[in-house]
Amino acid sequence: MEKTGVTGWETAVLDGGPADGLRMKVADRPRVIQVTHPCLVEAAPHGLRAEGVYVYRRDYSVAGELLRYGFDIASP
């Protein structure tokens, strides 16, 4: 049997920004979660798309489950 390195799944909640309140399952407590959202593009060539990218960083003061990730206002 192959080991994946995943120690377990935990519930996390996103705080602030466009995905405020979203709950999800995460593995191995990632430091950062990236959320994308499609953008409308006018007169785009076939197949072209654009997405907004939002970054959420883990709140290290939360030790147990429900992990919390705060919106990084300075995200690209």
C-alpha atoms as a PDB file:
ATOM      1  CA  MET A   1       0.000   0.000   0.000  1.00  0.00           C
ATOM      2  CA  GLU A   2       1.315   3.421  -0.976  1.00  0.00           C
ATOM      3  CA  LYS A   3       1.555   6.211   1.625  1.00  0.00           C
ATOM      4  CA  THR A   4       0.244   9.587   0.496  1.00  0.00           C
ATOM      5  CA  GLY A   5       1.607  11.622   3.407  1.00  0.00           C
ATOM      6  CA  VAL A   6      -1.859  12.917   4.337  1.00  0.00           C
ATOM      7  CA  THR A   7      -2.274  12.841   8.119  1.00  0.00           C
ATOM      8  CA  GLY A   8      -5.990  13.519   8.163  1.00  0.00           C
ATOM      9  CA  TRP A   9      -8.805  15.728   6.991  1.00  0.00           C
ATOM     10  CA  GLU A  10     -10.039  18.641   9.093  1.00  0.00           C
ATOM     11  CA  THR A  11     -12.776  21.219   8.661  1.00  0.00           C
ATOM     12  CA  ALA A  12     -11.684  24.779   7.909  1.00  0.00           C
ATOM     13  CA  VAL A  13     -13.634  28.003   7.482  1.00  0.00           C
ATOM     14  CA  LEU A  14     -12.656  31.020   5.373  1.00  0.00           C
ATOM     15  CA  ASP A  15     -12.964  34.396   7.088  1.00  0.00           C
ATOM     16  CA  GLY A  16     -13.483  37.625   5.131  1.00  0.00           C
ATOM     17  CA  GLY A  17     -13.135  38.359   1.434  1.00  0.00           C
ATOM     18  CA  PRO A  18     -15.288  36.939  -1.347  1.00  0.00           C
ATOM     19  CA  ALA A  19     -15.508  33.423   0.142  1.00  0.00           C
ATOM     20  CA  ASP A  20     -16.407  34.527   3.690  1.00  0.00           C
ATOM     21  CA  GLY A  21     -17.979  31.708   5.703  1.00  0.00           C
ATOM     22  CA  LEU A  22     -17.119  28.962   3.206  1.00  0.00           C
ATOM     23  CA  ARG A  23     -16.374  25.661   4.962  1.00  0.00           C
ATOM     24  CA  MET A  24     -14.199  22.950   3.465  1.00  0.00           C
ATOM     25  CA  LYS A  25     -12.142  19.902   4.327  1.00  0.00           C
ATOM     26  CA  VAL A  26      -8.345  20.345   4.207  1.00  0.00           C
ATOM     27  CA  ALA A  27      -5.528  17.837   4.613  1.00  0.00           C
ATOM     28  CA  ASP A  28      -2.308  18.446   6.546  1.00  0.00           C
ATOM     29  CA  ARG A  29      -3.200  22.026   7.566  1.00  0.00           C
ATOM     30  CA  PRO A  30      -1.961  23.957   4.530  1.00  0.00           C
ATOM     31  CA  ARG A  31      -0.538  27.420   5.262  1.00  0.00           C
ATOM     32  CA  VAL A  32      -2.384  29.045   2.362  1.00  0.00           C
ATOM     33  CA  ILE A  33      -5.613  28.358   0.460  1.00  0.00           C
ATOM     34  CA  GLN A  34      -6.173  29.890  -2.968  1.00  0.00           C
ATOM     35  CA  VAL A  35      -9.710  30.599  -4.171  1.00  0.00           C
ATOM     36  CA  THR A  36     -10.519  31.502  -7.777  1.00  0.00           C
ATOM     37  CA  HIS A  37     -13.633  33.095  -9.205  1.00  0.00           C
ATOM     38  CA  PRO A  38     -14.444  33.395 -12.923  1.00  0.00           C
ATOM     39  CA  CYS A  39     -14.563  36.905 -14.409  1.00  0.00           C
ATOM     40  CA  LEU A  40     -16.666  38.033 -17.358  1.00  0.00           C
ATOM     41  CA  VAL A  41     -14.584  38.768 -20.447  1.00  0.00           C
ATOM     42  CA  GLU A  42     -15.923  40.905 -23.294  1.00  0.00           C
ATOM     43  CA  ALA A  43     -15.118  39.946 -26.898  1.00  0.00           C
ATOM     44  CA  ALA A  44     -12.655  37.265 -25.803  1.00  0.00           C
ATOM     45  CA  PRO A  45     -11.013  34.972 -28.350  1.00  0.00           C
ATOM     46  CA  HIS A  46     -12.388  31.422 -28.303  1.00  0.00           C
ATOM     47  CA  GLY A  47     -11.252  29.552 -25.206  1.00  0.00           C
ATOM     48  CA  LEU A  48      -9.899  32.583 -23.339  1.00  0.00           C
ATOM     49  CA  ARG A  49     -10.999  33.006 -19.761  1.00  0.00           C
ATOM     50  CA  ALA A  50     -10.011  35.145 -16.789  1.00  0.00           C
ATOM     51  CA  GLU A  51     -10.250  34.390 -13.070  1.00  0.00           C
ATOM     52  CA  GLY A  52      -9.817  36.481  -9.955  1.00  0.00           C
ATOM     53  CA  VAL A  53      -7.399  34.907  -7.458  1.00  0.00           C
ATOM     54  CA  TYR A  54      -7.863  35.332  -3.705  1.00  0.00           C
ATOM     55  CA  VAL A  55      -5.509  34.102  -0.977  1.00  0.00           C
ATOM     56  CA  TYR A  56      -6.463  32.983   2.537  1.00  0.00           C
ATOM     57  CA  ARG A  57      -3.774  32.400   5.187  1.00  0.00           C
ATOM     58  CA  ARG A  58      -4.084  30.036   8.147  1.00  0.00           C
ATOM     59  CA  ASP A  59      -4.668  31.561  11.579  1.00  0.00           C
ATOM     60  CA  TYR A  60      -1.989  29.874  13.722  1.00  0.00           C
ATOM     61  CA  SER A  61      -3.727  30.882  16.969  1.00  0.00           C
ATOM     62  CA  VAL A  62      -6.359  28.202  16.245  1.00  0.00           C
ATOM     63  CA  ALA A  63      -4.940  24.889  17.492  1.00  0.00           C
ATOM     64  CA  GLY A  64      -7.838  22.470  16.924  1.00  0.00           C
ATOM     65  CA  GLU A  65     -10.596  21.908  14.457  1.00  0.00           C
ATOM     66  CA  LEU A  66     -12.412  24.284  13.123  1.00  0.00           C
ATOM     67  CA  LEU A  67      -9.323  25.700  11.408  1.00  0.00           C
ATOM     68  CA  ARG A  68      -9.638  29.331  10.355  1.00  0.00           C
ATOM     69  CA  TYR A  69      -8.161  30.994   7.276  1.00  0.00           C
ATOM     70  CA  GLY A  70      -8.209  34.781   7.012  1.00  0.00           C
ATOM     71  CA  PHE A  71      -8.488  36.728   3.766  1.00  0.00           C
ATOM     72  CA  ASP A  72      -5.197  38.328   2.690  1.00  0.00           C
ATOM     73  CA  ILE A  73      -6.215  41.758   1.417  1.00  0.00           C
ATOM     74  CA  ALA A  74      -2.808  42.139  -0.243  1.00  0.00           C
ATOM     75  CA  SER A  75      -3.222  38.983  -2.322  1.00  0.00           C
ATOM     76  CA  PRO A  76      -2.606  39.430  -6.039  1.00  0.00           C
END
